[in-house]
Amino acid sequence: MVNTRVASRYAKSLIDLAVEKKILKEVYQDMVFFMETSKSNRDFVLMLRNPIITHEKKKAVLYALFKDKFNPATLALFDIITRKNRESYLPAIAESFEIQYRQHQGIVKATVTTPMPLTDTLKKKFIELVATQTGKKIELEEKVDPSIIGGYVLKIGDQQMDNSIIAKLKTLSYEFSDDSYVKAI
């Protein structure tokens, strides 16, 4: 909980600074790249969390990796974080930044899971469906899961609409397990 709170505060400050300096898109791209780096390189995250490695060395690694790629505002955040000995929060800060960026831009992330890849027409229909429901811009993520047999599962934030065949079969199985249709002897 504290980790999330700290990350959220740093992310909010970075968004405010980026909006003020009109570099929000560049900083967003930096944070997305940092998140991808963190997710794909476990050793990098472990290095950030390692209490044996000095904060100066962690800062040197961050600057060596990102100095030529990142906006100076993002690098300034790295500097502040390393001075305060909070490098382990950086992946959480990047995730929190992405969430707050979407809120700031009015973007909703929706995930649709289907048994086979969607056609372009179906993607557009899902985007229109979610856009009319939320009244916001939609970023649609597509997942393929053959185990749902047919239909789809649509997640928008913490809401889920399960219109899959497997869900309907499970509901039907539950209803038949009740035995209320069997006449008592």
N, C-alpha and C. Protein backbone atom coordinates (compact mmCIF):
# COMPACT_ATOMS: atom_id res chain seq x y z
N MET A 1 0.83 -1.20 0.00
CA MET A 1 0.00 0.00 0.00
C MET A 1 0.87 1.26 0.00
N VAL A 2 1.89 1.28 0.84
CA VAL A 2 2.77 2.44 0.90
C VAL A 2 3.49 2.59 -0.44
N ASN A 3 3.91 1.46 -1.02
CA ASN A 3 4.58 1.47 -2.31
C ASN A 3 3.72 2.14 -3.36
N THR A 4 2.45 1.82 -3.39
CA THR A 4 1.52 2.40 -4.35
C THR A 4 1.32 3.89 -4.10
N ARG A 5 1.21 4.25 -2.86
CA ARG A 5 1.00 5.65 -2.51
C ARG A 5 2.20 6.51 -2.91
N VAL A 6 3.39 6.02 -2.60
CA VAL A 6 4.61 6.75 -2.95
C VAL A 6 4.74 6.87 -4.46
N ALA A 7 4.52 5.75 -5.16
CA ALA A 7 4.62 5.76 -6.62
C ALA A 7 3.62 6.72 -7.23
N SER A 8 2.41 6.73 -6.70
CA SER A 8 1.36 7.60 -7.21
C SER A 8 1.74 9.08 -7.04
N ARG A 9 2.33 9.40 -5.91
CA ARG A 9 2.71 10.80 -5.67
C ARG A 9 3.81 11.27 -6.61
N TYR A 10 4.83 10.42 -6.79
CA TYR A 10 5.90 10.79 -7.73
C TYR A 10 5.36 10.89 -9.15
N ALA A 11 4.50 9.95 -9.53
CA ALA A 11 3.94 9.98 -10.88
C ALA A 11 3.10 11.24 -11.09
N LYS A 12 2.32 11.61 -10.10
CA LYS A 12 1.50 12.83 -10.20
C LYS A 12 2.37 14.06 -10.36
N SER A 13 3.45 14.12 -9.58
CA SER A 13 4.36 15.26 -9.70
C SER A 13 5.00 15.32 -11.07
N LEU A 14 5.38 14.17 -11.61
CA LEU A 14 5.99 14.14 -12.93
C LEU A 14 4.98 14.54 -14.01
N ILE A 15 3.75 14.12 -13.88
CA ILE A 15 2.72 14.52 -14.84
C ILE A 15 2.50 16.03 -14.77
N ASP A 16 2.40 16.56 -13.57
CA ASP A 16 2.20 18.01 -13.43
C ASP A 16 3.35 18.79 -14.07
N LEU A 17 4.58 18.33 -13.83
CA LEU A 17 5.75 18.99 -14.42
C LEU A 17 5.71 18.88 -15.94
N ALA A 18 5.39 17.70 -16.45
CA ALA A 18 5.36 17.49 -17.90
C ALA A 18 4.27 18.32 -18.57
N VAL A 19 3.12 18.45 -17.92
CA VAL A 19 2.05 19.28 -18.46
C VAL A 19 2.49 20.75 -18.47
N GLU A 20 3.10 21.17 -17.39
CA GLU A 20 3.55 22.55 -17.28
C GLU A 20 4.59 22.89 -18.36
N LYS A 21 5.50 21.95 -18.63
CA LYS A 21 6.56 22.20 -19.61
C LYS A 21 6.15 21.76 -21.02
N LYS A 22 4.92 21.24 -21.16
CA LYS A 22 4.38 20.80 -22.46
C LYS A 22 5.23 19.69 -23.09
N ILE A 23 5.60 18.72 -22.25
CA ILE A 23 6.38 17.58 -22.73
C ILE A 23 5.74 16.26 -22.27
N LEU A 24 4.44 16.29 -22.07
CA LEU A 24 3.75 15.13 -21.51
C LEU A 24 3.92 13.89 -22.37
N LYS A 25 3.78 14.03 -23.67
CA LYS A 25 3.87 12.87 -24.56
C LYS A 25 5.28 12.25 -24.52
N GLU A 26 6.31 13.08 -24.51
CA GLU A 26 7.68 12.58 -24.46
C GLU A 26 7.96 11.83 -23.16
N VAL A 27 7.50 12.41 -22.05
CA VAL A 27 7.71 11.77 -20.75
C VAL A 27 6.91 10.47 -20.67
N TYR A 28 5.71 10.47 -21.25
CA TYR A 28 4.91 9.24 -21.29
C TYR A 28 5.67 8.14 -22.05
N GLN A 29 6.23 8.48 -23.17
CA GLN A 29 7.00 7.50 -23.95
C GLN A 29 8.20 6.99 -23.14
N ASP A 30 8.84 7.88 -22.39
CA ASP A 30 9.94 7.46 -21.52
C ASP A 30 9.47 6.45 -20.48
N MET A 31 8.35 6.73 -19.86
CA MET A 31 7.84 5.85 -18.80
C MET A 31 7.40 4.50 -19.37
N VAL A 32 6.82 4.51 -20.55
CA VAL A 32 6.42 3.24 -21.19
C VAL A 32 7.67 2.42 -21.51
N PHE A 33 8.69 3.07 -22.03
CA PHE A 33 9.94 2.37 -22.34
C PHE A 33 10.58 1.83 -21.06
N PHE A 34 10.55 2.62 -20.00
CA PHE A 34 11.10 2.17 -18.72
C PHE A 34 10.33 0.97 -18.20
N MET A 35 9.00 1.00 -18.31
CA MET A 35 8.17 -0.13 -17.87
C MET A 35 8.50 -1.39 -18.66
N GLU A 36 8.63 -1.25 -19.96
CA GLU A 36 8.96 -2.40 -20.81
C GLU A 36 10.32 -2.96 -20.45
N THR A 37 11.27 -2.08 -20.18
CA THR A 37 12.61 -2.51 -19.77
C THR A 37 12.53 -3.26 -18.45
N SER A 38 11.76 -2.74 -17.51
CA SER A 38 11.63 -3.39 -16.20
C SER A 38 10.97 -4.75 -16.32
N LYS A 39 9.95 -4.85 -17.15
CA LYS A 39 9.23 -6.12 -17.30
C LYS A 39 10.06 -7.17 -18.04
N SER A 40 10.89 -6.73 -18.96
CA SER A 40 11.66 -7.68 -19.75
C SER A 40 13.02 -8.02 -19.15
N ASN A 41 13.47 -7.27 -18.15
CA ASN A 41 14.79 -7.49 -17.58
C ASN A 41 14.70 -7.57 -16.06
N ARG A 42 14.57 -8.78 -15.57
CA ARG A 42 14.43 -9.01 -14.13
C ARG A 42 15.68 -8.55 -13.37
N ASP A 43 16.86 -8.75 -13.96
CA ASP A 43 18.10 -8.35 -13.30
C ASP A 43 18.15 -6.84 -13.07
N PHE A 44 17.59 -6.09 -13.99
CA PHE A 44 17.55 -4.63 -13.85
C PHE A 44 16.72 -4.24 -12.62
N VAL A 45 15.56 -4.86 -12.47
CA VAL A 45 14.69 -4.57 -11.32
C VAL A 45 15.36 -5.02 -10.02
N LEU A 46 15.99 -6.17 -10.05
CA LEU A 46 16.69 -6.66 -8.85
C LEU A 46 17.84 -5.73 -8.47
N MET A 47 18.51 -5.17 -9.46
CA MET A 47 19.57 -4.21 -9.19
C MET A 47 19.01 -2.97 -8.50
N LEU A 48 17.84 -2.50 -8.96
CA LEU A 48 17.22 -1.32 -8.34
C LEU A 48 16.83 -1.59 -6.89
N ARG A 49 16.47 -2.82 -6.59
CA ARG A 49 16.03 -3.18 -5.24
C ARG A 49 17.17 -3.57 -4.31
N ASN A 50 18.32 -3.86 -4.86
CA ASN A 50 19.44 -4.38 -4.09
C ASN A 50 20.01 -3.32 -3.13
N PRO A 51 19.96 -3.57 -1.83
CA PRO A 51 20.47 -2.58 -0.87
C PRO A 51 21.99 -2.53 -0.81
N ILE A 52 22.67 -3.53 -1.35
CA ILE A 52 24.13 -3.56 -1.31
C ILE A 52 24.74 -2.62 -2.35
N ILE A 53 24.06 -2.48 -3.48
CA ILE A 53 24.55 -1.58 -4.54
C ILE A 53 24.28 -0.15 -4.11
N THR A 54 25.31 0.68 -4.20
CA THR A 54 25.17 2.07 -3.74
C THR A 54 24.21 2.83 -4.66
N HIS A 55 23.66 3.88 -4.12
CA HIS A 55 22.71 4.69 -4.87
C HIS A 55 23.40 5.42 -6.02
N GLU A 56 24.66 5.76 -5.83
CA GLU A 56 25.41 6.41 -6.91
C GLU A 56 25.59 5.47 -8.10
N LYS A 57 25.86 4.18 -7.80
CA LYS A 57 26.01 3.20 -8.88
C LYS A 57 24.68 2.97 -9.59
N LYS A 58 23.59 2.95 -8.84
CA LYS A 58 22.27 2.78 -9.46
C LYS A 58 21.97 3.97 -10.37
N LYS A 59 22.30 5.15 -9.89
CA LYS A 59 22.08 6.36 -10.70
C LYS A 59 22.95 6.31 -11.95
N ALA A 60 24.18 5.85 -11.82
CA ALA A 60 25.07 5.74 -12.98
C ALA A 60 24.52 4.75 -14.00
N VAL A 61 23.96 3.65 -13.52
CA VAL A 61 23.36 2.66 -14.42
C VAL A 61 22.17 3.28 -15.15
N LEU A 62 21.30 3.95 -14.39
CA LEU A 62 20.12 4.58 -15.00
C LEU A 62 20.53 5.59 -16.07
N TYR A 63 21.53 6.41 -15.75
CA TYR A 63 21.97 7.41 -16.72
C TYR A 63 22.65 6.76 -17.92
N ALA A 64 23.42 5.70 -17.69
CA ALA A 64 24.09 5.01 -18.80
C ALA A 64 23.07 4.39 -19.75
N LEU A 65 22.00 3.86 -19.19
CA LEU A 65 20.98 3.22 -20.03
C LEU A 65 20.07 4.21 -20.74
N PHE A 66 19.70 5.29 -20.06
CA PHE A 66 18.61 6.13 -20.56
C PHE A 66 18.99 7.58 -20.89
N LYS A 67 20.21 7.99 -20.66
CA LYS A 67 20.58 9.40 -20.84
C LYS A 67 20.30 9.91 -22.25
N ASP A 68 20.66 9.14 -23.25
CA ASP A 68 20.49 9.59 -24.63
C ASP A 68 19.08 9.39 -25.15
N LYS A 69 18.26 8.63 -24.43
CA LYS A 69 16.92 8.29 -24.91
C LYS A 69 15.81 9.08 -24.23
N PHE A 70 16.04 9.53 -23.01
CA PHE A 70 14.98 10.12 -22.20
C PHE A 70 15.05 11.63 -22.15
N ASN A 71 13.89 12.20 -21.91
CA ASN A 71 13.74 13.64 -21.71
C ASN A 71 14.45 14.05 -20.42
N PRO A 72 15.03 15.24 -20.36
CA PRO A 72 15.69 15.70 -19.14
C PRO A 72 14.78 15.70 -17.90
N ALA A 73 13.49 15.89 -18.08
CA ALA A 73 12.57 15.87 -16.93
C ALA A 73 12.50 14.46 -16.33
N THR A 74 12.51 13.45 -17.17
CA THR A 74 12.50 12.07 -16.69
C THR A 74 13.81 11.76 -15.98
N LEU A 75 14.91 12.22 -16.53
CA LEU A 75 16.20 12.01 -15.89
C LEU A 75 16.28 12.75 -14.56
N ALA A 76 15.63 13.90 -14.48
CA ALA A 76 15.59 14.64 -13.21
C ALA A 76 14.84 13.84 -12.15
N LEU A 77 13.78 13.14 -12.56
CA LEU A 77 13.07 12.27 -11.62
C LEU A 77 14.00 11.18 -11.11
N PHE A 78 14.77 10.57 -12.02
CA PHE A 78 15.72 9.54 -11.60
C PHE A 78 16.71 10.10 -10.58
N ASP A 79 17.15 11.33 -10.82
CA ASP A 79 18.09 11.97 -9.91
C ASP A 79 17.46 12.15 -8.52
N ILE A 80 16.24 12.64 -8.48
CA ILE A 80 15.55 12.84 -7.20
C ILE A 80 15.34 11.51 -6.48
N ILE A 81 14.91 10.52 -7.22
CA ILE A 81 14.64 9.21 -6.63
C ILE A 81 15.92 8.61 -6.04
N THR A 82 17.02 8.71 -6.77
CA THR A 82 18.26 8.12 -6.25
C THR A 82 18.80 8.91 -5.06
N ARG A 83 18.61 10.21 -5.05
CA ARG A 83 19.05 11.00 -3.88
C ARG A 83 18.25 10.64 -2.63
N LYS A 84 17.00 10.24 -2.83
CA LYS A 84 16.14 9.88 -1.69
C LYS A 84 16.16 8.38 -1.41
N ASN A 85 17.03 7.65 -2.11
CA ASN A 85 17.21 6.20 -1.90
C ASN A 85 15.92 5.41 -2.13
N ARG A 86 15.21 5.74 -3.21
CA ARG A 86 13.94 5.08 -3.50
C ARG A 86 13.92 4.47 -4.90
N GLU A 87 15.05 3.96 -5.34
CA GLU A 87 15.15 3.40 -6.68
C GLU A 87 14.21 2.22 -6.89
N SER A 88 13.95 1.49 -5.83
CA SER A 88 13.08 0.31 -5.96
C SER A 88 11.65 0.70 -6.34
N TYR A 89 11.28 1.95 -6.16
CA TYR A 89 9.94 2.41 -6.51
C TYR A 89 9.79 2.75 -8.00
N LEU A 90 10.87 2.83 -8.73
CA LEU A 90 10.81 3.30 -10.11
C LEU A 90 9.86 2.48 -11.00
N PRO A 91 9.88 1.15 -10.98
CA PRO A 91 8.91 0.43 -11.81
C PRO A 91 7.46 0.75 -11.43
N ALA A 92 7.17 0.87 -10.15
CA ALA A 92 5.81 1.21 -9.71
C ALA A 92 5.45 2.65 -10.11
N ILE A 93 6.42 3.54 -10.08
CA ILE A 93 6.18 4.92 -10.51
C ILE A 93 5.83 4.95 -11.99
N ALA A 94 6.54 4.17 -12.79
CA ALA A 94 6.25 4.12 -14.23
C ALA A 94 4.84 3.59 -14.49
N GLU A 95 4.44 2.55 -13.76
CA GLU A 95 3.08 2.02 -13.93
C GLU A 95 2.03 3.03 -13.50
N SER A 96 2.27 3.67 -12.37
CA SER A 96 1.33 4.68 -11.88
C SER A 96 1.25 5.86 -12.85
N PHE A 97 2.38 6.23 -13.43
CA PHE A 97 2.40 7.32 -14.41
C PHE A 97 1.52 6.97 -15.60
N GLU A 98 1.64 5.73 -16.08
CA GLU A 98 0.84 5.32 -17.24
C GLU A 98 -0.66 5.40 -16.92
N ILE A 99 -1.05 4.96 -15.75
CA ILE A 99 -2.46 5.00 -15.34
C ILE A 99 -2.95 6.45 -15.26
N GLN A 100 -2.16 7.30 -14.62
CA GLN A 100 -2.55 8.70 -14.47
C GLN A 100 -2.54 9.44 -15.81
N TYR A 101 -1.63 9.07 -16.69
CA TYR A 101 -1.58 9.67 -18.03
C TYR A 101 -2.89 9.37 -18.77
N ARG A 102 -3.32 8.12 -18.71
CA ARG A 102 -4.57 7.75 -19.39
C ARG A 102 -5.75 8.53 -18.82
N GLN A 103 -5.80 8.65 -17.49
CA GLN A 103 -6.88 9.43 -16.88
C GLN A 103 -6.82 10.87 -17.35
N HIS A 104 -5.63 11.43 -17.39
CA HIS A 104 -5.44 12.83 -17.81
C HIS A 104 -5.89 13.03 -19.26
N GLN A 105 -5.61 12.06 -20.12
CA GLN A 105 -5.95 12.15 -21.53
C GLN A 105 -7.35 11.66 -21.85
N GLY A 106 -8.06 11.10 -20.86
CA GLY A 106 -9.40 10.58 -21.09
C GLY A 106 -9.41 9.29 -21.89
N ILE A 107 -8.40 8.46 -21.64
CA ILE A 107 -8.28 7.19 -22.36
C ILE A 107 -8.65 6.05 -21.41
N VAL A 108 -9.48 5.14 -21.92
CA VAL A 108 -9.87 3.96 -21.16
C VAL A 108 -9.24 2.75 -21.83
N LYS A 109 -8.63 1.90 -21.03
CA LYS A 109 -8.04 0.68 -21.55
C LYS A 109 -9.07 -0.44 -21.42
N ALA A 110 -9.36 -1.08 -22.53
CA ALA A 110 -10.30 -2.20 -22.55
C ALA A 110 -9.57 -3.42 -23.10
N THR A 111 -9.91 -4.58 -22.56
CA THR A 111 -9.31 -5.83 -23.01
C THR A 111 -10.42 -6.75 -23.47
N VAL A 112 -10.29 -7.25 -24.67
CA VAL A 112 -11.27 -8.21 -25.19
C VAL A 112 -10.54 -9.53 -25.43
N THR A 113 -11.13 -10.60 -24.89
CA THR A 113 -10.58 -11.93 -25.06
C THR A 113 -11.54 -12.73 -25.91
N THR A 114 -11.02 -13.29 -26.99
CA THR A 114 -11.83 -14.08 -27.92
C THR A 114 -11.10 -15.39 -28.23
N PRO A 115 -11.83 -16.37 -28.75
CA PRO A 115 -11.17 -17.65 -29.05
C PRO A 115 -10.26 -17.59 -30.29
N MET A 116 -10.42 -16.57 -31.12
CA MET A 116 -9.57 -16.40 -32.30
C MET A 116 -9.36 -14.91 -32.53
N PRO A 117 -8.33 -14.54 -33.28
CA PRO A 117 -8.05 -13.11 -33.51
C PRO A 117 -9.25 -12.38 -34.13
N LEU A 118 -9.42 -11.14 -33.72
CA LEU A 118 -10.51 -10.32 -34.23
C LEU A 118 -10.18 -9.76 -35.60
N THR A 119 -11.21 -9.59 -36.41
CA THR A 119 -11.04 -8.90 -37.69
C THR A 119 -11.03 -7.39 -37.39
N ASP A 120 -10.61 -6.61 -38.36
CA ASP A 120 -10.60 -5.15 -38.18
C ASP A 120 -12.01 -4.62 -37.93
N THR A 121 -12.99 -5.19 -38.58
CA THR A 121 -14.38 -4.76 -38.41
C THR A 121 -14.85 -5.00 -36.98
N LEU A 122 -14.55 -6.18 -36.44
CA LEU A 122 -14.95 -6.48 -35.07
C LEU A 122 -14.21 -5.59 -34.06
N LYS A 123 -12.94 -5.31 -34.32
CA LYS A 123 -12.19 -4.41 -33.43
C LYS A 123 -12.87 -3.04 -33.37
N LYS A 124 -13.27 -2.54 -34.53
CA LYS A 124 -13.93 -1.23 -34.59
C LYS A 124 -15.25 -1.26 -33.83
N LYS A 125 -15.99 -2.38 -33.95
CA LYS A 125 -17.27 -2.50 -33.23
C LYS A 125 -17.05 -2.51 -31.73
N PHE A 126 -16.03 -3.22 -31.26
CA PHE A 126 -15.74 -3.23 -29.83
C PHE A 126 -15.33 -1.84 -29.34
N ILE A 127 -14.52 -1.17 -30.13
CA ILE A 127 -14.09 0.19 -29.76
C ILE A 127 -15.30 1.12 -29.69
N GLU A 128 -16.19 1.03 -30.66
CA GLU A 128 -17.41 1.85 -30.66
C GLU A 128 -18.30 1.52 -29.47
N LEU A 129 -18.44 0.24 -29.17
CA LEU A 129 -19.26 -0.20 -28.03
C LEU A 129 -18.73 0.40 -26.72
N VAL A 130 -17.44 0.29 -26.51
CA VAL A 130 -16.85 0.79 -25.27
C VAL A 130 -16.86 2.32 -25.25
N ALA A 131 -16.63 2.94 -26.40
CA ALA A 131 -16.63 4.41 -26.47
C ALA A 131 -18.01 4.97 -26.14
N THR A 132 -19.06 4.34 -26.64
CA THR A 132 -20.40 4.84 -26.33
C THR A 132 -20.76 4.58 -24.87
N GLN A 133 -20.25 3.48 -24.31
CA GLN A 133 -20.54 3.17 -22.91
C GLN A 133 -19.80 4.10 -21.95
N THR A 134 -18.57 4.44 -22.28
CA THR A 134 -17.76 5.25 -21.36
C THR A 134 -17.69 6.73 -21.74
N GLY A 135 -17.88 7.03 -23.01
CA GLY A 135 -17.76 8.41 -23.46
C GLY A 135 -16.31 8.89 -23.52
N LYS A 136 -15.36 7.95 -23.60
CA LYS A 136 -13.94 8.31 -23.62
C LYS A 136 -13.24 7.65 -24.80
N LYS A 137 -11.97 8.04 -25.02
CA LYS A 137 -11.15 7.40 -26.04
C LYS A 137 -10.82 5.99 -25.55
N ILE A 138 -10.70 5.07 -26.49
CA ILE A 138 -10.49 3.68 -26.13
C ILE A 138 -9.16 3.17 -26.66
N GLU A 139 -8.46 2.46 -25.80
CA GLU A 139 -7.27 1.73 -26.19
C GLU A 139 -7.61 0.26 -25.99
N LEU A 140 -7.79 -0.46 -27.09
CA LEU A 140 -8.25 -1.84 -27.03
C LEU A 140 -7.07 -2.80 -27.10
N GLU A 141 -7.01 -3.68 -26.12
CA GLU A 141 -6.02 -4.75 -26.11
C GLU A 141 -6.75 -6.04 -26.43
N GLU A 142 -6.17 -6.80 -27.32
CA GLU A 142 -6.81 -8.04 -27.76
C GLU A 142 -6.02 -9.23 -27.24
N LYS A 143 -6.75 -10.22 -26.68
CA LYS A 143 -6.14 -11.46 -26.23
C LYS A 143 -6.88 -12.61 -26.88
N VAL A 144 -6.15 -13.66 -27.17
CA VAL A 144 -6.75 -14.85 -27.77
C VAL A 144 -6.65 -15.99 -26.76
N ASP A 145 -7.79 -16.61 -26.46
CA ASP A 145 -7.87 -17.74 -25.52
C ASP A 145 -8.86 -18.76 -26.08
N PRO A 146 -8.36 -19.81 -26.73
CA PRO A 146 -9.27 -20.79 -27.33
C PRO A 146 -10.15 -21.52 -26.32
N SER A 147 -9.79 -21.49 -25.04
CA SER A 147 -10.57 -22.21 -24.03
C SER A 147 -11.96 -21.61 -23.79
N ILE A 148 -12.21 -20.38 -24.24
CA ILE A 148 -13.55 -19.80 -24.03
C ILE A 148 -14.54 -20.27 -25.11
N ILE A 149 -14.08 -21.06 -26.03
CA ILE A 149 -14.84 -21.74 -27.08
C ILE A 149 -15.45 -20.75 -28.09
N GLY A 150 -16.23 -19.81 -27.66
CA GLY A 150 -16.85 -18.84 -28.54
C GLY A 150 -17.28 -17.63 -27.74
N GLY A 151 -17.72 -16.60 -28.41
CA GLY A 151 -18.13 -15.37 -27.73
C GLY A 151 -16.93 -14.52 -27.37
N TYR A 152 -17.04 -13.77 -26.28
CA TYR A 152 -15.96 -12.88 -25.87
C TYR A 152 -16.08 -12.56 -24.39
N VAL A 153 -14.97 -12.07 -23.84
CA VAL A 153 -14.93 -11.53 -22.49
C VAL A 153 -14.35 -10.12 -22.64
N LEU A 154 -15.10 -9.12 -22.22
CA LEU A 154 -14.70 -7.72 -22.35
C LEU A 154 -14.48 -7.14 -20.97
N LYS A 155 -13.27 -6.62 -20.73
CA LYS A 155 -12.94 -5.98 -19.46
C LYS A 155 -12.68 -4.50 -19.70
N ILE A 156 -13.37 -3.68 -18.91
CA ILE A 156 -13.17 -2.23 -18.96
C ILE A 156 -12.93 -1.80 -17.53
N GLY A 157 -11.68 -1.49 -17.22
CA GLY A 157 -11.35 -1.15 -15.83
C GLY A 157 -11.60 -2.34 -14.93
N ASP A 158 -12.45 -2.16 -13.93
CA ASP A 158 -12.76 -3.26 -13.01
C ASP A 158 -14.08 -3.94 -13.35
N GLN A 159 -14.66 -3.59 -14.48
CA GLN A 159 -15.90 -4.23 -14.92
C GLN A 159 -15.59 -5.30 -15.97
N GLN A 160 -16.38 -6.37 -15.92
CA GLN A 160 -16.18 -7.44 -16.90
C GLN A 160 -17.52 -7.91 -17.44
N MET A 161 -17.58 -8.05 -18.74
CA MET A 161 -18.76 -8.58 -19.40
C MET A 161 -18.35 -9.90 -20.05
N ASP A 162 -18.82 -11.00 -19.46
CA ASP A 162 -18.45 -12.33 -19.93
C ASP A 162 -19.58 -12.88 -20.78
N ASN A 163 -19.40 -12.83 -22.07
CA ASN A 163 -20.39 -13.33 -23.02
C ASN A 163 -19.78 -14.50 -23.79
N SER A 164 -19.06 -15.38 -23.06
CA SER A 164 -18.40 -16.50 -23.69
C SER A 164 -19.24 -17.76 -23.56
N ILE A 165 -19.01 -18.68 -24.45
CA ILE A 165 -19.72 -19.97 -24.43
C ILE A 165 -19.38 -20.73 -23.15
N ILE A 166 -18.12 -20.72 -22.75
CA ILE A 166 -17.71 -21.47 -21.55
C ILE A 166 -18.42 -20.94 -20.31
N ALA A 167 -18.62 -19.64 -20.22
CA ALA A 167 -19.33 -19.07 -19.07
C ALA A 167 -20.79 -19.51 -19.08
N LYS A 168 -21.38 -19.53 -20.26
CA LYS A 168 -22.78 -19.96 -20.36
C LYS A 168 -22.92 -21.45 -20.02
N LEU A 169 -21.94 -22.25 -20.43
CA LEU A 169 -21.96 -23.68 -20.09
C LEU A 169 -21.81 -23.89 -18.58
N LYS A 170 -20.95 -23.11 -17.94
CA LYS A 170 -20.78 -23.22 -16.49
C LYS A 170 -22.06 -22.82 -15.76
N THR A 171 -22.71 -21.78 -16.23
CA THR A 171 -23.98 -21.35 -15.63
C THR A 171 -25.03 -22.43 -15.79
N LEU A 172 -25.12 -23.00 -16.95
CA LEU A 172 -26.07 -24.07 -17.21
C LEU A 172 -25.77 -25.29 -16.34
N SER A 173 -24.52 -25.64 -16.20
CA SER A 173 -24.11 -26.77 -15.36
C SER A 173 -24.50 -26.52 -13.91
N TYR A 174 -24.31 -25.29 -13.45
CA TYR A 174 -24.68 -24.94 -12.08
C TYR A 174 -26.19 -25.06 -11.88
N GLU A 175 -26.95 -24.60 -12.87
CA GLU A 175 -28.41 -24.67 -12.77
C GLU A 175 -28.90 -26.12 -12.73
N PHE A 176 -28.28 -26.98 -13.52
CA PHE A 176 -28.68 -28.39 -13.52
C PHE A 176 -28.23 -29.13 -12.27
N SER A 177 -27.20 -28.67 -11.61
CA SER A 177 -26.73 -29.34 -10.39
C SER A 177 -27.66 -29.09 -9.21
N ASP A 178 -28.57 -28.15 -9.36
CA ASP A 178 -29.52 -27.79 -8.30
C ASP A 178 -30.51 -28.92 -8.02
N ASP A 179 -30.87 -29.69 -9.00
CA ASP A 179 -31.83 -30.79 -8.89
C ASP A 179 -33.23 -30.32 -8.49
N SER A 180 -33.54 -29.08 -8.66
CA SER A 180 -34.87 -28.60 -8.31
C SER A 180 -35.91 -29.08 -9.33
N TYR A 181 -35.48 -29.50 -10.49
CA TYR A 181 -36.40 -29.99 -11.49
C TYR A 181 -36.81 -31.44 -11.26
N VAL A 182 -36.11 -32.15 -10.35
CA VAL A 182 -36.42 -33.55 -10.05
C VAL A 182 -37.55 -33.58 -9.03
N LYS A 183 -38.56 -34.32 -9.36
CA LYS A 183 -39.72 -34.43 -8.47
C LYS A 183 -39.34 -35.27 -7.27
N ALA A 184 -39.68 -34.78 -6.10
CA ALA A 184 -39.38 -35.50 -4.85
C ALA A 184 -40.17 -36.80 -4.81
N ILE A 185 -39.55 -37.84 -4.34
CA ILE A 185 -40.20 -39.16 -4.28
C ILE A 185 -40.87 -39.35 -2.95
